[in-house]
Amino acid sequence: MTVFELIEILSEVDPKSRVTFLAGGHDAQVAEEIVAVATPDYVWVMHGKSDKKEGEADIHHADKQADGSDAARASTESEAVSVVILSTDEDFLFKAIVRRLMLG
């Protein structure tokens, strides 16, 4: 999902609505509220399987994939992207970003 798509969806929602996160496979009653948002100024890599099934998510990470095998490259399409990170844990998000900046 892009920021544009998210804004388009949210444009018709009550602006006082709470934003929550529902992890895959969990019951809607255990959704956690988003408490932190980060917009890292470094590029991430998005990996999408070329044979991806409908509804299957792409994988995003800050560093290049450690597994550079030919089999992994053949079934994966990579693209440099900017990301917005939503988190239910502000401390964890902050530590993850600081750790990434320190590792370069």
N, C-alpha and C. Protein backbone atom coordinates (compact mmCIF):
# COMPACT_ATOMS: atom_id res chain seq x y z
N MET A 1 0.84 -1.18 0.00
CA MET A 1 0.00 0.00 0.00
C MET A 1 0.89 1.24 0.00
N THR A 2 0.50 2.22 -0.76
CA THR A 2 1.24 3.48 -0.77
C THR A 2 0.57 4.50 0.14
N VAL A 3 1.28 5.56 0.48
CA VAL A 3 0.71 6.63 1.30
C VAL A 3 -0.50 7.21 0.59
N PHE A 4 -0.41 7.37 -0.72
CA PHE A 4 -1.54 7.90 -1.50
C PHE A 4 -2.78 7.03 -1.30
N GLU A 5 -2.62 5.71 -1.41
CA GLU A 5 -3.75 4.80 -1.24
C GLU A 5 -4.32 4.89 0.18
N LEU A 6 -3.44 4.98 1.17
CA LEU A 6 -3.89 5.08 2.56
C LEU A 6 -4.68 6.38 2.79
N ILE A 7 -4.15 7.49 2.29
CA ILE A 7 -4.84 8.77 2.43
C ILE A 7 -6.20 8.73 1.75
N GLU A 8 -6.26 8.10 0.59
CA GLU A 8 -7.53 7.99 -0.13
C GLU A 8 -8.56 7.23 0.70
N ILE A 9 -8.14 6.15 1.34
CA ILE A 9 -9.05 5.38 2.19
C ILE A 9 -9.47 6.18 3.41
N LEU A 10 -8.51 6.86 4.03
CA LEU A 10 -8.78 7.59 5.26
C LEU A 10 -9.53 8.90 5.03
N SER A 11 -9.59 9.37 3.80
CA SER A 11 -10.24 10.66 3.53
C SER A 11 -11.72 10.67 3.89
N GLU A 12 -12.34 9.50 3.96
CA GLU A 12 -13.76 9.43 4.27
C GLU A 12 -14.04 8.91 5.68
N VAL A 13 -12.98 8.83 6.50
CA VAL A 13 -13.12 8.30 7.86
C VAL A 13 -13.14 9.46 8.86
N ASP A 14 -13.86 9.27 9.94
CA ASP A 14 -13.89 10.27 11.01
C ASP A 14 -12.45 10.51 11.49
N PRO A 15 -11.95 11.76 11.41
CA PRO A 15 -10.56 12.04 11.80
C PRO A 15 -10.27 11.77 13.26
N LYS A 16 -11.29 11.56 14.08
CA LYS A 16 -11.07 11.23 15.49
C LYS A 16 -10.98 9.72 15.72
N SER A 17 -11.09 8.95 14.63
CA SER A 17 -10.99 7.49 14.75
C SER A 17 -9.60 7.09 15.23
N ARG A 18 -9.54 6.03 16.03
CA ARG A 18 -8.27 5.51 16.51
C ARG A 18 -7.68 4.59 15.44
N VAL A 19 -6.37 4.61 15.26
CA VAL A 19 -5.70 3.75 14.28
C VAL A 19 -5.14 2.55 15.03
N THR A 20 -5.53 1.36 14.59
CA THR A 20 -5.07 0.15 15.25
C THR A 20 -4.37 -0.77 14.26
N PHE A 21 -3.69 -1.77 14.80
CA PHE A 21 -2.97 -2.76 13.99
C PHE A 21 -3.49 -4.13 14.34
N LEU A 22 -3.83 -4.90 13.33
CA LEU A 22 -4.29 -6.27 13.53
C LEU A 22 -3.31 -7.20 12.83
N ALA A 23 -2.56 -7.95 13.61
CA ALA A 23 -1.59 -8.89 13.05
C ALA A 23 -2.32 -10.02 12.33
N GLY A 24 -1.71 -10.50 11.25
CA GLY A 24 -2.31 -11.59 10.49
C GLY A 24 -2.62 -12.80 11.36
N GLY A 25 -3.80 -13.35 11.18
CA GLY A 25 -4.19 -14.54 11.91
C GLY A 25 -4.77 -14.27 13.29
N HIS A 26 -4.81 -13.01 13.72
CA HIS A 26 -5.35 -12.69 15.04
C HIS A 26 -6.80 -12.27 14.96
N ASP A 27 -7.50 -12.40 16.07
CA ASP A 27 -8.89 -11.99 16.19
C ASP A 27 -8.94 -10.46 16.27
N ALA A 28 -9.94 -9.85 15.66
CA ALA A 28 -10.07 -8.39 15.64
C ALA A 28 -10.15 -7.78 17.04
N GLN A 29 -10.51 -8.57 18.02
CA GLN A 29 -10.61 -8.07 19.39
C GLN A 29 -9.25 -7.81 20.02
N VAL A 30 -8.16 -8.25 19.39
CA VAL A 30 -6.83 -8.05 19.96
C VAL A 30 -6.01 -7.03 19.18
N ALA A 31 -6.67 -6.20 18.39
CA ALA A 31 -5.97 -5.16 17.64
C ALA A 31 -5.36 -4.15 18.62
N GLU A 32 -4.11 -3.75 18.35
CA GLU A 32 -3.43 -2.79 19.21
C GLU A 32 -3.41 -1.42 18.54
N GLU A 33 -3.46 -0.37 19.36
CA GLU A 33 -3.44 0.98 18.83
C GLU A 33 -2.04 1.35 18.34
N ILE A 34 -1.98 2.01 17.20
CA ILE A 34 -0.71 2.54 16.69
C ILE A 34 -0.35 3.74 17.55
N VAL A 35 0.85 3.73 18.12
CA VAL A 35 1.27 4.82 19.00
C VAL A 35 2.47 5.59 18.46
N ALA A 36 3.07 5.10 17.38
CA ALA A 36 4.24 5.78 16.83
C ALA A 36 4.29 5.62 15.32
N VAL A 37 4.79 6.65 14.66
CA VAL A 37 4.96 6.64 13.21
C VAL A 37 6.36 7.15 12.91
N ALA A 38 7.05 6.47 12.00
CA ALA A 38 8.39 6.91 11.60
C ALA A 38 8.45 6.98 10.09
N THR A 39 9.20 7.94 9.59
CA THR A 39 9.43 8.07 8.15
C THR A 39 10.95 8.14 7.95
N PRO A 40 11.61 6.99 7.94
CA PRO A 40 13.07 6.96 7.83
C PRO A 40 13.54 7.69 6.57
N ASP A 41 14.67 8.37 6.70
CA ASP A 41 15.19 9.11 5.54
C ASP A 41 16.19 8.28 4.75
N TYR A 42 16.25 6.99 5.01
CA TYR A 42 17.09 6.09 4.22
C TYR A 42 16.19 5.17 3.41
N VAL A 43 16.72 4.68 2.31
CA VAL A 43 15.94 3.85 1.39
C VAL A 43 15.85 2.42 1.90
N TRP A 44 14.72 1.82 1.73
CA TRP A 44 14.51 0.43 2.06
C TRP A 44 14.47 -0.38 0.77
N VAL A 45 14.59 -1.69 0.90
CA VAL A 45 14.48 -2.59 -0.24
C VAL A 45 13.19 -3.37 -0.09
N MET A 46 12.39 -3.39 -1.15
CA MET A 46 11.16 -4.16 -1.15
C MET A 46 11.38 -5.38 -2.02
N HIS A 47 11.07 -6.55 -1.48
CA HIS A 47 11.16 -7.80 -2.23
C HIS A 47 9.75 -8.32 -2.43
N GLY A 48 9.41 -8.57 -3.66
CA GLY A 48 8.12 -9.16 -3.97
C GLY A 48 8.35 -10.40 -4.82
N LYS A 49 7.73 -11.50 -4.43
CA LYS A 49 7.89 -12.73 -5.21
C LYS A 49 7.16 -12.57 -6.54
N SER A 50 7.81 -12.96 -7.62
CA SER A 50 7.19 -12.84 -8.93
C SER A 50 5.99 -13.77 -9.07
N ASP A 51 5.96 -14.85 -8.28
CA ASP A 51 4.84 -15.78 -8.34
C ASP A 51 3.92 -15.62 -7.12
N LYS A 52 3.84 -14.39 -6.61
CA LYS A 52 3.07 -14.08 -5.41
C LYS A 52 1.59 -14.36 -5.61
N LYS A 53 1.00 -14.98 -4.58
CA LYS A 53 -0.44 -15.23 -4.59
C LYS A 53 -1.18 -13.95 -4.19
N GLU A 54 -2.44 -13.82 -4.61
CA GLU A 54 -3.24 -12.64 -4.25
C GLU A 54 -3.34 -12.51 -2.74
N GLY A 55 -3.13 -11.30 -2.23
CA GLY A 55 -3.19 -11.05 -0.80
C GLY A 55 -1.87 -11.29 -0.07
N GLU A 56 -0.88 -11.85 -0.75
CA GLU A 56 0.42 -12.12 -0.13
C GLU A 56 1.22 -10.82 -0.11
N ALA A 57 1.83 -10.52 1.03
CA ALA A 57 2.53 -9.25 1.20
C ALA A 57 3.96 -9.29 0.68
N ASP A 58 4.45 -8.11 0.27
CA ASP A 58 5.85 -7.95 -0.08
C ASP A 58 6.64 -7.81 1.22
N ILE A 59 7.94 -8.07 1.16
CA ILE A 59 8.82 -7.96 2.32
C ILE A 59 9.65 -6.70 2.15
N HIS A 60 9.75 -5.90 3.22
CA HIS A 60 10.53 -4.66 3.21
C HIS A 60 11.60 -4.73 4.29
N HIS A 61 12.81 -4.27 4.00
CA HIS A 61 13.85 -4.20 5.01
C HIS A 61 14.86 -3.13 4.63
N ALA A 62 15.60 -2.66 5.64
CA ALA A 62 16.52 -1.55 5.44
C ALA A 62 17.80 -1.97 4.74
N ASP A 63 18.22 -3.19 4.90
CA ASP A 63 19.46 -3.66 4.29
C ASP A 63 19.16 -4.66 3.20
N LYS A 64 20.13 -4.85 2.31
CA LYS A 64 19.95 -5.85 1.26
C LYS A 64 19.83 -7.23 1.88
N GLN A 65 19.09 -8.09 1.20
CA GLN A 65 18.87 -9.45 1.68
C GLN A 65 20.20 -10.19 1.76
N ALA A 66 20.47 -10.79 2.92
CA ALA A 66 21.73 -11.52 3.12
C ALA A 66 21.84 -12.72 2.20
N ASP A 67 20.71 -13.37 1.90
CA ASP A 67 20.71 -14.54 1.04
C ASP A 67 20.74 -14.10 -0.41
N GLY A 68 21.89 -14.17 -1.05
CA GLY A 68 22.02 -13.74 -2.43
C GLY A 68 22.02 -14.89 -3.41
N SER A 69 21.43 -16.02 -3.02
CA SER A 69 21.45 -17.20 -3.87
C SER A 69 20.69 -16.96 -5.17
N ASP A 70 21.08 -17.68 -6.21
CA ASP A 70 20.42 -17.54 -7.51
C ASP A 70 18.94 -17.90 -7.42
N ALA A 71 18.61 -18.91 -6.62
CA ALA A 71 17.21 -19.33 -6.49
C ALA A 71 16.38 -18.21 -5.87
N ALA A 72 16.93 -17.55 -4.84
CA ALA A 72 16.20 -16.46 -4.20
C ALA A 72 16.02 -15.30 -5.16
N ARG A 73 17.07 -14.97 -5.95
CA ARG A 73 16.98 -13.86 -6.89
C ARG A 73 16.02 -14.15 -8.02
N ALA A 74 15.95 -15.40 -8.47
CA ALA A 74 15.10 -15.77 -9.59
C ALA A 74 13.62 -15.62 -9.26
N SER A 75 13.24 -15.86 -8.00
CA SER A 75 11.84 -15.81 -7.64
C SER A 75 11.46 -14.50 -6.95
N THR A 76 12.38 -13.54 -6.89
CA THR A 76 12.13 -12.30 -6.17
C THR A 76 12.44 -11.09 -7.05
N GLU A 77 11.54 -10.10 -6.99
CA GLU A 77 11.78 -8.83 -7.66
C GLU A 77 12.09 -7.81 -6.57
N SER A 78 13.17 -7.03 -6.73
CA SER A 78 13.56 -6.05 -5.71
C SER A 78 13.41 -4.64 -6.24
N GLU A 79 13.11 -3.72 -5.31
CA GLU A 79 12.93 -2.32 -5.68
C GLU A 79 13.27 -1.45 -4.47
N ALA A 80 13.99 -0.35 -4.68
CA ALA A 80 14.28 0.61 -3.61
C ALA A 80 13.03 1.46 -3.40
N VAL A 81 12.61 1.60 -2.13
CA VAL A 81 11.40 2.35 -1.81
C VAL A 81 11.58 3.18 -0.55
N SER A 82 10.78 4.22 -0.40
CA SER A 82 10.66 4.95 0.85
C SER A 82 9.53 4.30 1.63
N VAL A 83 9.62 4.33 2.96
CA VAL A 83 8.58 3.68 3.76
C VAL A 83 8.07 4.58 4.87
N VAL A 84 6.89 4.28 5.34
CA VAL A 84 6.31 4.85 6.56
C VAL A 84 6.12 3.66 7.48
N ILE A 85 6.62 3.75 8.71
CA ILE A 85 6.52 2.63 9.65
C ILE A 85 5.53 3.01 10.75
N LEU A 86 4.52 2.18 10.93
CA LEU A 86 3.56 2.33 12.02
C LEU A 86 3.92 1.31 13.08
N SER A 87 3.86 1.71 14.35
CA SER A 87 4.23 0.79 15.42
C SER A 87 3.28 0.89 16.59
N THR A 88 3.10 -0.25 17.27
CA THR A 88 2.32 -0.28 18.50
C THR A 88 3.23 -0.13 19.71
N ASP A 89 4.55 0.01 19.48
CA ASP A 89 5.53 0.12 20.56
C ASP A 89 6.53 1.23 20.23
N GLU A 90 6.34 2.39 20.82
CA GLU A 90 7.17 3.56 20.51
C GLU A 90 8.65 3.33 20.84
N ASP A 91 8.94 2.73 22.00
CA ASP A 91 10.32 2.47 22.40
C ASP A 91 11.02 1.53 21.41
N PHE A 92 10.32 0.46 21.03
CA PHE A 92 10.90 -0.49 20.09
C PHE A 92 11.20 0.17 18.75
N LEU A 93 10.26 0.97 18.25
CA LEU A 93 10.44 1.65 16.97
C LEU A 93 11.64 2.58 17.04
N PHE A 94 11.74 3.37 18.10
CA PHE A 94 12.86 4.30 18.26
C PHE A 94 14.19 3.54 18.30
N LYS A 95 14.25 2.47 19.08
CA LYS A 95 15.50 1.68 19.19
C LYS A 95 15.88 1.06 17.85
N ALA A 96 14.90 0.58 17.10
CA ALA A 96 15.17 -0.03 15.80
C ALA A 96 15.75 1.00 14.82
N ILE A 97 15.22 2.21 14.83
CA ILE A 97 15.71 3.25 13.94
C ILE A 97 17.10 3.70 14.36
N VAL A 98 17.32 3.88 15.65
CA VAL A 98 18.65 4.27 16.14
C VAL A 98 19.67 3.20 15.81
N ARG A 99 19.30 1.93 16.02
CA ARG A 99 20.21 0.81 15.70
C ARG A 99 20.57 0.82 14.23
N ARG A 100 19.61 1.06 13.36
CA ARG A 100 19.86 1.09 11.91
C ARG A 100 20.80 2.23 11.55
N LEU A 101 20.60 3.41 12.17
CA LEU A 101 21.45 4.55 11.88
C LEU A 101 22.87 4.31 12.37
N MET A 102 23.03 3.61 13.50
CA MET A 102 24.36 3.33 14.02
C MET A 102 25.10 2.31 13.17
N LEU A 103 24.36 1.35 12.61
CA LEU A 103 24.98 0.31 11.78
C LEU A 103 25.28 0.83 10.38
N GLY A 104 24.62 1.92 10.00
CA GLY A 104 24.85 2.53 8.68
C GLY A 104 24.31 1.69 7.63
